[in-house]
Amino acid sequence: MIGAIAGDIIGSVYEFAPIKHTAFPLFSNQSHFTDDTVLTVAIADLLLHGGDIIDTLKKYWRNFPKQGYGRSFTRWAASESREPYHSWGNGSAMRTIPIGLFFKNEKDVLDAAKSYASVTHNHPHGIRGAQAVSLCIFMANQGATKNEIREQISHRFNYDLSHSIDSIRPDYGFDVSCQGSVPQSIIAFLESTGVENAIRLAVSLGGDADTMACIAGGIAEAYYGYMPENIVREVRKRIPAQFRSVIDAFYASIEI
């Protein structure tokens, strides 16, 4: 999960200042967590302690406002509504990282990803994005190869994962849809040589950098099974103590 949060923080300064290369500073004084981190921690908290998903998401929004949430999510979170808003955006995908780590079989992973996405993102593309990322995490954590992950995700979700980052990068732009950002984020992981490299590749596409790096970093951590100490250190000092507490408890729970 730290891999996902690292991607969010590292990508935060490039979301609206896109770059098309990988040789950028990982952290600066402006690097900060965004809604991707807040809602990822919210899901981890929910998995650990139970509760109502809608109430939990709205509580985290109230406690950590102005972190770059999408307009539709903000309207929903600030309202009394408990109805989804048919979103196809990648917000459903970025917050599901803990699901693939927490559940022990594929069916539970896919069911939970759908359930946790559809309270807001009940569009088929929104659900598909959440399920694809969760399944990538699950498979990576279970020791699947990159080829196995590529084939399964391509077949099950009809995502084209045949392109390379170099071929995508020149014409790629800002895209918050699941269809237009989740496959590219997965490709960044598939091409990577480590967690840091996965994050750098995702950011280098020049798109929705924080969310795409969040997704790529989360999958990469599950696959490679480690996090560089310098990145962990920088991440932990940039997030609230409450987040660190949830993250530590979550890691402890999945190691049992």
C-alpha atoms as a PDB file:
ATOM      1  CA  MET A   1       0.000   0.000   0.000  1.00  0.00           C
ATOM      2  CA  ILE A   2       2.949   2.311   0.603  1.00  0.00           C
ATOM      3  CA  GLY A   3       3.806   1.843  -3.078  1.00  0.00           C
ATOM      4  CA  ALA A   4       0.447   3.309  -4.073  1.00  0.00           C
ATOM      5  CA  ILE A   5       0.756   6.220  -1.652  1.00  0.00           C
ATOM      6  CA  ALA A   6       4.301   6.869  -2.830  1.00  0.00           C
ATOM      7  CA  GLY A   7       3.033   7.054  -6.402  1.00  0.00           C
ATOM      8  CA  ASP A   8       0.345   9.507  -5.371  1.00  0.00           C
ATOM      9  CA  ILE A   9       2.764  11.786  -3.514  1.00  0.00           C
ATOM     10  CA  ILE A  10       5.469  11.621  -6.186  1.00  0.00           C
ATOM     11  CA  GLY A  11       2.952  12.221  -8.967  1.00  0.00           C
ATOM     12  CA  SER A  12       1.169  15.047  -7.160  1.00  0.00           C
ATOM     13  CA  VAL A  13       3.421  17.819  -8.461  1.00  0.00           C
ATOM     14  CA  TYR A  14       3.150  16.566 -12.061  1.00  0.00           C
ATOM     15  CA  GLU A  15      -0.625  16.179 -12.303  1.00  0.00           C
ATOM     16  CA  PHE A  16      -1.056  19.641 -13.796  1.00  0.00           C
ATOM     17  CA  ALA A  17       2.560  20.116 -14.878  1.00  0.00           C
ATOM     18  CA  PRO A  18       3.020  17.075 -17.116  1.00  0.00           C
ATOM     19  CA  ILE A  19       6.417  15.743 -18.091  1.00  0.00           C
ATOM     20  CA  LYS A  20       7.410  13.243 -20.750  1.00  0.00           C
ATOM     21  CA  HIS A  21      10.541  11.691 -19.274  1.00  0.00           C
ATOM     22  CA  THR A  22      11.606   9.653 -16.247  1.00  0.00           C
ATOM     23  CA  ALA A  23      14.538  11.775 -15.040  1.00  0.00           C
ATOM     24  CA  PHE A  24      12.667  13.877 -12.494  1.00  0.00           C
ATOM     25  CA  PRO A  25      13.140  14.421  -8.744  1.00  0.00           C
ATOM     26  CA  LEU A  26      11.076  11.948  -6.757  1.00  0.00           C
ATOM     27  CA  PHE A  27      10.247  14.356  -3.941  1.00  0.00           C
ATOM     28  CA  SER A  28      10.231  18.104  -3.416  1.00  0.00           C
ATOM     29  CA  ASN A  29       8.831  20.504  -0.854  1.00  0.00           C
ATOM     30  CA  GLN A  30       5.624  20.578  -2.891  1.00  0.00           C
ATOM     31  CA  SER A  31       5.127  16.786  -2.914  1.00  0.00           C
ATOM     32  CA  HIS A  32       1.951  15.977  -1.002  1.00  0.00           C
ATOM     33  CA  PHE A  33      -0.702  13.311  -0.596  1.00  0.00           C
ATOM     34  CA  THR A  34      -3.969  13.742  -2.459  1.00  0.00           C
ATOM     35  CA  ASP A  35      -7.415  12.182  -2.528  1.00  0.00           C
ATOM     36  CA  ASP A  36      -5.836   8.978  -3.837  1.00  0.00           C
ATOM     37  CA  THR A  37      -4.058   8.439  -0.524  1.00  0.00           C
ATOM     38  CA  VAL A  38      -7.013   9.539   1.594  1.00  0.00           C
ATOM     39  CA  LEU A  39      -9.441   7.116  -0.024  1.00  0.00           C
ATOM     40  CA  THR A  40      -6.930   4.263  -0.194  1.00  0.00           C
ATOM     41  CA  VAL A  41      -6.431   4.583   3.557  1.00  0.00           C
ATOM     42  CA  ALA A  42     -10.199   4.807   4.002  1.00  0.00           C
ATOM     43  CA  ILE A  43     -10.637   1.443   2.257  1.00  0.00           C
ATOM     44  CA  ALA A  44      -7.863  -0.117   4.344  1.00  0.00           C
ATOM     45  CA  ASP A  45      -9.528   1.221   7.494  1.00  0.00           C
ATOM     46  CA  LEU A  46     -12.854  -0.228   6.388  1.00  0.00           C
ATOM     47  CA  LEU A  47     -11.343  -3.634   5.663  1.00  0.00           C
ATOM     48  CA  LEU A  48      -9.677  -3.676   9.073  1.00  0.00           C
ATOM     49  CA  HIS A  49     -12.515  -2.419  11.218  1.00  0.00           C
ATOM     50  CA  GLY A  50     -15.700  -2.888   9.223  1.00  0.00           C
ATOM     51  CA  GLY A  51     -18.419  -0.312   8.888  1.00  0.00           C
ATOM     52  CA  ASP A  52     -20.434   1.265   6.126  1.00  0.00           C
ATOM     53  CA  ILE A  53     -18.499   2.110   2.976  1.00  0.00           C
ATOM     54  CA  ILE A  54     -20.495   5.249   2.197  1.00  0.00           C
ATOM     55  CA  ASP A  55     -20.184   6.585   5.739  1.00  0.00           C
ATOM     56  CA  THR A  56     -16.462   5.812   5.769  1.00  0.00           C
ATOM     57  CA  LEU A  57     -15.717   7.563   2.479  1.00  0.00           C
ATOM     58  CA  LYS A  58     -17.705  10.614   3.510  1.00  0.00           C
ATOM     59  CA  LYS A  59     -16.015  10.718   6.922  1.00  0.00           C
ATOM     60  CA  TYR A  60     -12.555  10.673   5.375  1.00  0.00           C
ATOM     61  CA  TRP A  61     -13.584  13.415   2.948  1.00  0.00           C
ATOM     62  CA  ARG A  62     -14.784  15.565   5.855  1.00  0.00           C
ATOM     63  CA  ASN A  63     -11.631  14.933   7.882  1.00  0.00           C
ATOM     64  CA  PHE A  64      -9.253  15.550   4.972  1.00  0.00           C
ATOM     65  CA  PRO A  65     -10.929  18.062   2.642  1.00  0.00           C
ATOM     66  CA  LYS A  66      -9.366  19.943  -0.258  1.00  0.00           C
ATOM     67  CA  GLN A  67      -7.029  17.130  -1.291  1.00  0.00           C
ATOM     68  CA  GLY A  68      -7.865  17.283  -4.969  1.00  0.00           C
ATOM     69  CA  TYR A  69     -11.054  15.237  -5.056  1.00  0.00           C
ATOM     70  CA  GLY A  70     -13.005  15.130  -8.295  1.00  0.00           C
ATOM     71  CA  ARG A  71     -15.969  17.475  -8.562  1.00  0.00           C
ATOM     72  CA  SER A  72     -18.522  14.665  -8.729  1.00  0.00           C
ATOM     73  CA  PHE A  73     -17.083  12.938  -5.672  1.00  0.00           C
ATOM     74  CA  THR A  74     -17.019  16.219  -3.744  1.00  0.00           C
ATOM     75  CA  ARG A  75     -20.658  16.950  -4.560  1.00  0.00           C
ATOM     76  CA  TRP A  76     -21.615  13.428  -3.510  1.00  0.00           C
ATOM     77  CA  ALA A  77     -19.538  13.459  -0.320  1.00  0.00           C
ATOM     78  CA  ALA A  78     -20.901  16.857   0.740  1.00  0.00           C
ATOM     79  CA  SER A  79     -24.514  15.841   0.133  1.00  0.00           C
ATOM     80  CA  GLU A  80     -26.970  13.635   1.989  1.00  0.00           C
ATOM     81  CA  SER A  81     -27.187  11.330  -1.009  1.00  0.00           C
ATOM     82  CA  ARG A  82     -26.344   7.676  -0.685  1.00  0.00           C
ATOM     83  CA  GLU A  83     -26.857   6.996  -4.386  1.00  0.00           C
ATOM     84  CA  PRO A  84     -23.962   6.458  -6.828  1.00  0.00           C
ATOM     85  CA  TYR A  85     -23.362   8.920  -9.631  1.00  0.00           C
ATOM     86  CA  HIS A  86     -22.551   6.557 -12.520  1.00  0.00           C
ATOM     87  CA  SER A  87     -18.919   7.571 -12.788  1.00  0.00           C
ATOM     88  CA  TRP A  88     -16.439   5.943 -15.164  1.00  0.00           C
ATOM     89  CA  GLY A  89     -13.507   7.841 -13.639  1.00  0.00           C
ATOM     90  CA  ASN A  90     -10.314   6.306 -12.289  1.00  0.00           C
ATOM     91  CA  GLY A  91     -11.165   7.222  -8.701  1.00  0.00           C
ATOM     92  CA  SER A  92     -12.697   3.774  -8.340  1.00  0.00           C
ATOM     93  CA  ALA A  93      -9.432   2.129  -9.406  1.00  0.00           C
ATOM     94  CA  MET A  94      -6.927   4.110  -7.349  1.00  0.00           C
ATOM     95  CA  ARG A  95      -8.616   3.463  -4.005  1.00  0.00           C
ATOM     96  CA  THR A  96      -8.908  -0.328  -4.374  1.00  0.00           C
ATOM     97  CA  ILE A  97      -5.242  -1.219  -3.800  1.00  0.00           C
ATOM     98  CA  PRO A  98      -5.896  -2.718  -0.310  1.00  0.00           C
ATOM     99  CA  ILE A  99      -8.575  -5.063  -1.643  1.00  0.00           C
ATOM    100  CA  GLY A 100      -6.160  -7.167  -3.677  1.00  0.00           C
ATOM    101  CA  LEU A 101      -3.919  -7.566  -0.641  1.00  0.00           C
ATOM    102  CA  PHE A 102      -6.618  -8.299   1.916  1.00  0.00           C
ATOM    103  CA  PHE A 103      -8.729 -11.046   0.341  1.00  0.00           C
ATOM    104  CA  LYS A 104      -7.472 -14.583  -0.135  1.00  0.00           C
ATOM    105  CA  ASN A 105      -9.245 -15.713  -3.286  1.00  0.00           C
ATOM    106  CA  GLU A 106     -10.047 -14.236  -6.674  1.00  0.00           C
ATOM    107  CA  LYS A 107     -13.828 -14.247  -6.315  1.00  0.00           C
ATOM    108  CA  ASP A 108     -13.727 -12.300  -3.058  1.00  0.00           C
ATOM    109  CA  VAL A 109     -11.328  -9.794  -4.606  1.00  0.00           C
ATOM    110  CA  LEU A 110     -13.563  -9.184  -7.619  1.00  0.00           C
ATOM    111  CA  ASP A 111     -16.750  -9.055  -5.537  1.00  0.00           C
ATOM    112  CA  ALA A 112     -15.247  -6.595  -3.057  1.00  0.00           C
ATOM    113  CA  ALA A 113     -13.809  -4.393  -5.796  1.00  0.00           C
ATOM    114  CA  LYS A 114     -17.230  -4.168  -7.436  1.00  0.00           C
ATOM    115  CA  SER A 115     -18.973  -3.495  -4.141  1.00  0.00           C
ATOM    116  CA  TYR A 116     -16.551  -0.807  -3.004  1.00  0.00           C
ATOM    117  CA  ALA A 117     -16.472   0.887  -6.409  1.00  0.00           C
ATOM    118  CA  SER A 118     -20.177   0.900  -7.152  1.00  0.00           C
ATOM    119  CA  VAL A 119     -21.202   3.066  -4.199  1.00  0.00           C
ATOM    120  CA  THR A 120     -19.957   5.936  -6.372  1.00  0.00           C
ATOM    121  CA  HIS A 121     -18.623   4.524  -9.663  1.00  0.00           C
ATOM    122  CA  ASN A 122     -21.463   2.264 -10.791  1.00  0.00           C
ATOM    123  CA  HIS A 123     -20.717   2.744 -14.480  1.00  0.00           C
ATOM    124  CA  PRO A 124     -19.417  -0.539 -15.995  1.00  0.00           C
ATOM    125  CA  HIS A 125     -16.081   1.101 -16.816  1.00  0.00           C
ATOM    126  CA  GLY A 126     -15.693   2.350 -13.248  1.00  0.00           C
ATOM    127  CA  ILE A 127     -16.350  -1.125 -11.859  1.00  0.00           C
ATOM    128  CA  ARG A 128     -14.084  -2.748 -14.442  1.00  0.00           C
ATOM    129  CA  GLY A 129     -11.202  -0.426 -13.556  1.00  0.00           C
ATOM    130  CA  ALA A 130     -11.503  -1.211  -9.860  1.00  0.00           C
ATOM    131  CA  GLN A 131     -11.674  -4.939 -10.499  1.00  0.00           C
ATOM    132  CA  ALA A 132      -8.725  -4.888 -12.899  1.00  0.00           C
ATOM    133  CA  VAL A 133      -6.437  -3.102 -10.451  1.00  0.00           C
ATOM    134  CA  SER A 134      -7.547  -5.257  -7.528  1.00  0.00           C
ATOM    135  CA  LEU A 135      -6.959  -8.435  -9.524  1.00  0.00           C
ATOM    136  CA  CYS A 136      -3.512  -7.215 -10.616  1.00  0.00           C
ATOM    137  CA  ILE A 137      -2.616  -6.649  -6.970  1.00  0.00           C
ATOM    138  CA  PHE A 138      -3.982 -10.048  -5.948  1.00  0.00           C
ATOM    139  CA  MET A 139      -2.147 -11.919  -8.688  1.00  0.00           C
ATOM    140  CA  ALA A 140       1.103 -10.046  -8.090  1.00  0.00           C
ATOM    141  CA  ASN A 141       0.892 -10.740  -4.377  1.00  0.00           C
ATOM    142  CA  GLN A 142       0.247 -14.427  -5.082  1.00  0.00           C
ATOM    143  CA  GLY A 143       3.388 -14.752  -7.200  1.00  0.00           C
ATOM    144  CA  ALA A 144       1.949 -14.590 -10.718  1.00  0.00           C
ATOM    145  CA  THR A 145       4.333 -13.672 -13.509  1.00  0.00           C
ATOM    146  CA  LYS A 146       3.949 -10.483 -15.498  1.00  0.00           C
ATOM    147  CA  ASN A 147       2.880 -12.497 -18.535  1.00  0.00           C
ATOM    148  CA  GLU A 148       0.193 -14.236 -16.492  1.00  0.00           C
ATOM    149  CA  ILE A 149      -1.056 -10.889 -15.187  1.00  0.00           C
ATOM    150  CA  ARG A 150      -1.039  -9.374 -18.678  1.00  0.00           C
ATOM    151  CA  GLU A 151      -2.959 -12.294 -20.183  1.00  0.00           C
ATOM    152  CA  GLN A 152      -5.542 -12.498 -17.404  1.00  0.00           C
ATOM    153  CA  ILE A 153      -6.276  -8.766 -17.303  1.00  0.00           C
ATOM    154  CA  SER A 154      -6.369  -8.478 -21.097  1.00  0.00           C
ATOM    155  CA  HIS A 155      -8.747 -11.422 -21.404  1.00  0.00           C
ATOM    156  CA  ARG A 156     -11.065 -10.660 -18.503  1.00  0.00           C
ATOM    157  CA  PHE A 157     -11.382  -6.888 -18.931  1.00  0.00           C
ATOM    158  CA  ASN A 158     -10.647  -6.431 -22.629  1.00  0.00           C
ATOM    159  CA  TYR A 159      -7.776  -4.063 -21.887  1.00  0.00           C
ATOM    160  CA  ASP A 160      -5.152  -3.720 -24.611  1.00  0.00           C
ATOM    161  CA  LEU A 161      -1.860  -4.192 -22.769  1.00  0.00           C
ATOM    162  CA  SER A 162       0.202  -4.829 -25.897  1.00  0.00           C
ATOM    163  CA  HIS A 163       1.613  -1.318 -26.248  1.00  0.00           C
ATOM    164  CA  SER A 164       4.849   0.000 -24.754  1.00  0.00           C
ATOM    165  CA  ILE A 165       5.274   3.112 -22.640  1.00  0.00           C
ATOM    166  CA  ASP A 166       7.494   4.603 -25.348  1.00  0.00           C
ATOM    167  CA  SER A 167       4.779   4.130 -27.959  1.00  0.00           C
ATOM    168  CA  ILE A 168       2.033   5.525 -25.706  1.00  0.00           C
ATOM    169  CA  ARG A 169       3.922   8.552 -24.362  1.00  0.00           C
ATOM    170  CA  PRO A 170       4.157  10.898 -27.389  1.00  0.00           C
ATOM    171  CA  ASP A 171       0.415  11.274 -27.958  1.00  0.00           C
ATOM    172  CA  TYR A 172      -0.884  10.601 -24.472  1.00  0.00           C
ATOM    173  CA  GLY A 173      -2.620  13.375 -22.527  1.00  0.00           C
ATOM    174  CA  PHE A 174      -4.591  13.970 -19.363  1.00  0.00           C
ATOM    175  CA  ASP A 175      -7.342  11.371 -19.044  1.00  0.00           C
ATOM    176  CA  VAL A 176      -9.231  10.564 -15.843  1.00  0.00           C
ATOM    177  CA  SER A 177     -11.354   7.768 -17.309  1.00  0.00           C
ATOM    178  CA  CYS A 178     -10.703   4.190 -16.278  1.00  0.00           C
ATOM    179  CA  GLN A 179     -10.591   3.131 -19.923  1.00  0.00           C
ATOM    180  CA  GLY A 180      -8.028   5.800 -20.735  1.00  0.00           C
ATOM    181  CA  SER A 181      -5.726   5.527 -17.715  1.00  0.00           C
ATOM    182  CA  VAL A 182      -5.944   2.139 -15.991  1.00  0.00           C
ATOM    183  CA  PRO A 183      -4.484   0.051 -18.867  1.00  0.00           C
ATOM    184  CA  GLN A 184      -1.641   2.546 -19.266  1.00  0.00           C
ATOM    185  CA  SER A 185      -0.916   2.417 -15.532  1.00  0.00           C
ATOM    186  CA  ILE A 186      -0.804  -1.379 -15.651  1.00  0.00           C
ATOM    187  CA  ILE A 187       1.574  -1.222 -18.612  1.00  0.00           C
ATOM    188  CA  ALA A 188       3.875   1.024 -16.559  1.00  0.00           C
ATOM    189  CA  PHE A 189       4.042  -1.757 -13.971  1.00  0.00           C
ATOM    190  CA  LEU A 190       4.504  -4.477 -16.585  1.00  0.00           C
ATOM    191  CA  GLU A 191       7.497  -2.667 -18.101  1.00  0.00           C
ATOM    192  CA  SER A 192       9.060  -1.750 -14.772  1.00  0.00           C
ATOM    193  CA  THR A 193      12.212  -3.051 -13.138  1.00  0.00           C
ATOM    194  CA  GLY A 194      11.157  -2.059  -9.611  1.00  0.00           C
ATOM    195  CA  VAL A 195       8.722   0.064  -7.640  1.00  0.00           C
ATOM    196  CA  GLU A 196      10.500   3.348  -8.257  1.00  0.00           C
ATOM    197  CA  ASN A 197      10.797   2.619 -11.965  1.00  0.00           C
ATOM    198  CA  ALA A 198       7.077   1.758 -12.213  1.00  0.00           C
ATOM    199  CA  ILE A 199       6.193   5.110 -10.662  1.00  0.00           C
ATOM    200  CA  ARG A 200       8.610   6.978 -12.928  1.00  0.00           C
ATOM    201  CA  LEU A 201       7.177   5.295 -16.037  1.00  0.00           C
ATOM    202  CA  ALA A 202       3.596   6.128 -15.037  1.00  0.00           C
ATOM    203  CA  VAL A 203       4.417   9.780 -14.331  1.00  0.00           C
ATOM    204  CA  SER A 204       6.378  10.068 -17.581  1.00  0.00           C
ATOM    205  CA  LEU A 205       3.241   9.527 -19.649  1.00  0.00           C
ATOM    206  CA  GLY A 206       2.223  13.094 -18.820  1.00  0.00           C
ATOM    207  CA  GLY A 207      -1.337  12.228 -17.817  1.00  0.00           C
ATOM    208  CA  ASP A 208      -3.175  12.017 -14.492  1.00  0.00           C
ATOM    209  CA  ALA A 209       0.188  11.530 -12.862  1.00  0.00           C
ATOM    210  CA  ASP A 210      -0.721  11.024  -9.209  1.00  0.00           C
ATOM    211  CA  THR A 211      -3.472   8.484  -9.842  1.00  0.00           C
ATOM    212  CA  MET A 212      -1.597   6.576 -12.529  1.00  0.00           C
ATOM    213  CA  ALA A 213       1.553   6.411 -10.392  1.00  0.00           C
ATOM    214  CA  CYS A 214      -0.604   5.351  -7.431  1.00  0.00           C
ATOM    215  CA  ILE A 215      -1.948   2.404  -9.423  1.00  0.00           C
ATOM    216  CA  ALA A 216       1.411   1.427 -10.925  1.00  0.00           C
ATOM    217  CA  GLY A 217       3.224   1.796  -7.606  1.00  0.00           C
ATOM    218  CA  GLY A 218       0.660  -0.276  -5.744  1.00  0.00           C
ATOM    219  CA  ILE A 219       0.851  -3.160  -8.198  1.00  0.00           C
ATOM    220  CA  ALA A 220       4.644  -2.954  -8.301  1.00  0.00           C
ATOM    221  CA  GLU A 221       4.985  -3.194  -4.531  1.00  0.00           C
ATOM    222  CA  ALA A 222       2.793  -6.300  -4.480  1.00  0.00           C
ATOM    223  CA  TYR A 223       4.830  -7.853  -7.298  1.00  0.00           C
ATOM    224  CA  TYR A 224       8.364  -7.027  -6.189  1.00  0.00           C
ATOM    225  CA  GLY A 225       7.612  -7.524  -2.500  1.00  0.00           C
ATOM    226  CA  TYR A 226       9.651  -4.628  -1.182  1.00  0.00           C
ATOM    227  CA  MET A 227       9.789  -0.851  -0.951  1.00  0.00           C
ATOM    228  CA  PRO A 228      12.971   1.227  -1.179  1.00  0.00           C
ATOM    229  CA  GLU A 229      13.722   2.571   2.297  1.00  0.00           C
ATOM    230  CA  ASN A 230      14.298   6.135   1.095  1.00  0.00           C
ATOM    231  CA  ILE A 231      10.837   6.217  -0.488  1.00  0.00           C
ATOM    232  CA  VAL A 232       9.154   4.750   2.601  1.00  0.00           C
ATOM    233  CA  ARG A 233      10.872   7.348   4.769  1.00  0.00           C
ATOM    234  CA  GLU A 234       9.796  10.248   2.563  1.00  0.00           C
ATOM    235  CA  VAL A 235       6.220   8.960   2.341  1.00  0.00           C
ATOM    236  CA  ARG A 236       5.762   8.430   6.063  1.00  0.00           C
ATOM    237  CA  LYS A 237       6.862  11.944   6.955  1.00  0.00           C
ATOM    238  CA  ARG A 238       4.357  13.430   4.497  1.00  0.00           C
ATOM    239  CA  ILE A 239       1.232  11.692   5.785  1.00  0.00           C
ATOM    240  CA  PRO A 240      -0.735  12.181   9.024  1.00  0.00           C
ATOM    241  CA  ALA A 241      -0.135   9.972  12.048  1.00  0.00           C
ATOM    242  CA  GLN A 242      -3.646   8.559  11.602  1.00  0.00           C
ATOM    243  CA  PHE A 243      -2.720   7.267   8.150  1.00  0.00           C
ATOM    244  CA  ARG A 244       0.513   5.737   9.417  1.00  0.00           C
ATOM    245  CA  SER A 245      -1.430   3.941  12.130  1.00  0.00           C
ATOM    246  CA  VAL A 246      -3.953   2.469   9.676  1.00  0.00           C
ATOM    247  CA  ILE A 247      -1.199   1.459   7.245  1.00  0.00           C
ATOM    248  CA  ASP A 248       0.846  -0.281   9.952  1.00  0.00           C
ATOM    249  CA  ALA A 249      -2.218  -2.130  11.236  1.00  0.00           C
ATOM    250  CA  PHE A 250      -3.158  -3.149   7.701  1.00  0.00           C
ATOM    251  CA  TYR A 251       0.280  -4.579   6.933  1.00  0.00           C
ATOM    252  CA  ALA A 252       0.203  -6.465  10.234  1.00  0.00           C
ATOM    253  CA  SER A 253      -3.212  -7.931   9.384  1.00  0.00           C
ATOM    254  CA  ILE A 254      -2.227  -9.298   5.978  1.00  0.00           C
ATOM    255  CA  GLU A 255       0.948 -10.886   7.363  1.00  0.00           C
ATOM    256  CA  ILE A 256      -1.011 -13.089   9.753  1.00  0.00           C
END
